[in-house]
């Protein structure tokens, strides 16, 4: 059970941080392109269109990635984790019952 918790928490954190890194990358590139007047400077108009479109796409893609990472963690903690605990308890109880039955079936002389 603990292994599943660590695995899911790690995966969800990595996905969330990947979305954050995508946004950080876009904003960092925009920051370093700004001139003294605060406007972004491009060498050509076509490059400005292509880069702006790509960065806008990456930034919008980062939002669902971050939401997915958070929801994965939230759904695991709230819903799935409890079901795993219940099934583990049921398995342990069944094993105890079967072990008790098997020890009663042996006759000692």
Protein backbone atom coordinates (compact mmCIF):
# COMPACT_ATOMS: atom_id res chain seq x y z
CA UNK A 1 0.00 0.00 0.00
CA UNK A 2 2.78 2.40 0.86
CA UNK A 3 4.49 1.61 -2.44
CA UNK A 4 1.37 2.65 -4.36
CA UNK A 5 1.11 5.87 -2.35
CA UNK A 6 4.72 6.80 -3.05
CA UNK A 7 4.43 5.87 -6.73
CA UNK A 8 1.24 7.83 -7.37
CA UNK A 9 2.41 10.85 -5.37
CA UNK A 10 5.70 10.90 -7.25
CA UNK A 11 4.08 10.54 -10.67
CA UNK A 12 1.49 13.23 -9.95
CA UNK A 13 4.18 15.58 -8.63
CA UNK A 14 6.35 15.02 -11.71
CA UNK A 15 3.39 15.69 -14.04
CA UNK A 16 2.46 18.84 -12.11
CA UNK A 17 6.06 20.11 -12.13
CA UNK A 18 6.37 19.34 -15.85
CA UNK A 19 3.38 21.62 -16.51
CA UNK A 20 4.96 24.27 -14.32
CA UNK A 21 8.28 23.90 -16.18
CA UNK A 22 6.49 24.40 -19.51
CA UNK A 23 5.02 27.70 -18.30
CA UNK A 24 8.34 28.76 -16.78
CA UNK A 25 10.17 28.06 -20.07
CA UNK A 26 7.74 30.20 -22.06
CA UNK A 27 7.81 33.08 -19.62
CA UNK A 28 11.60 32.99 -19.38
CA UNK A 29 11.94 33.18 -23.16
CA UNK A 30 9.51 36.10 -23.28
CA UNK A 31 11.40 37.88 -20.50
CA UNK A 32 14.76 37.61 -22.25
CA UNK A 33 13.29 38.86 -25.54
CA UNK A 34 12.11 42.12 -24.01
CA UNK A 35 14.01 45.27 -24.79
CA UNK A 36 14.45 48.48 -22.83
CA UNK A 37 10.95 49.66 -23.72
CA UNK A 38 9.37 46.42 -22.51
CA UNK A 39 8.36 45.10 -25.94
CA UNK A 40 9.43 41.75 -27.32
CA UNK A 41 11.95 42.02 -30.12
CA UNK A 42 12.08 39.53 -33.00
CA UNK A 43 14.45 39.43 -35.97
CA UNK A 44 11.57 39.03 -38.47
CA UNK A 45 7.80 39.14 -38.63
CA UNK A 46 7.43 35.48 -39.64
CA UNK A 47 9.61 34.37 -36.73
CA UNK A 48 7.50 36.51 -34.37
CA UNK A 49 4.31 34.80 -35.57
CA UNK A 50 5.75 31.29 -35.39
CA UNK A 51 7.39 31.70 -31.99
CA UNK A 52 4.38 33.46 -30.47
CA UNK A 53 2.01 30.76 -31.72
CA UNK A 54 4.23 27.97 -30.43
CA UNK A 55 4.67 29.61 -27.04
CA UNK A 56 0.94 30.28 -26.75
CA UNK A 57 0.22 26.62 -27.55
CA UNK A 58 2.77 25.38 -24.99
CA UNK A 59 1.44 27.73 -22.33
CA UNK A 60 -2.17 26.64 -22.91
CA UNK A 61 -1.07 23.01 -22.92
CA UNK A 62 0.63 23.45 -19.56
CA UNK A 63 -2.65 24.25 -17.80
CA UNK A 64 -4.33 20.87 -18.44
CA UNK A 65 -1.07 19.10 -17.62
CA UNK A 66 -0.92 20.81 -14.23
CA UNK A 67 -4.61 20.15 -13.58
CA UNK A 68 -4.16 16.48 -14.51
CA UNK A 69 -1.22 16.14 -12.10
CA UNK A 70 -3.21 17.72 -9.28
CA UNK A 71 -6.36 15.68 -10.01
CA UNK A 72 -4.37 12.44 -10.15
CA UNK A 73 -3.05 13.12 -6.67
CA UNK A 74 -6.43 14.28 -5.34
CA UNK A 75 -8.42 11.36 -6.78
CA UNK A 76 -5.88 8.87 -5.46
CA UNK A 77 -5.90 10.30 -1.94
CA UNK A 78 -9.67 10.79 -1.68
CA UNK A 79 -11.18 7.87 -3.59
CA UNK A 80 -8.83 5.08 -4.64
CA UNK A 81 -6.61 4.85 -1.58
CA UNK A 82 -9.50 3.94 0.73
CA UNK A 83 -10.70 1.20 -1.60
CA UNK A 84 -7.23 -0.36 -1.61
CA UNK A 85 -7.21 -0.31 2.18
CA UNK A 86 -10.63 -2.00 2.31
CA UNK A 87 -9.60 -4.74 -0.13
CA UNK A 88 -6.39 -5.31 1.82
CA UNK A 89 -8.38 -5.71 5.05
CA UNK A 90 -10.76 -8.15 3.36
CA UNK A 91 -7.84 -10.21 2.02
CA UNK A 92 -6.22 -10.37 5.46
CA UNK A 93 -9.49 -11.44 7.07
CA UNK A 94 -10.00 -14.16 4.43
CA UNK A 95 -6.47 -15.43 4.98
CA UNK A 96 -7.07 -15.58 8.75
CA UNK A 97 -10.33 -17.49 8.25
CA UNK A 98 -8.73 -19.94 5.79
CA UNK A 99 -5.75 -20.46 8.08
CA UNK A 100 -8.09 -21.14 10.99
CA UNK A 101 -10.08 -23.67 8.95
CA UNK A 102 -6.99 -25.47 7.73
CA UNK A 103 -5.64 -25.86 11.27
CA UNK A 104 -8.98 -27.28 12.46
CA UNK A 105 -9.07 -29.94 9.73
CA UNK A 106 -5.89 -31.68 10.92
CA UNK A 107 -6.52 -34.46 13.38
CA UNK A 108 -3.81 -35.29 15.85
CA UNK A 109 -3.58 -38.91 17.11
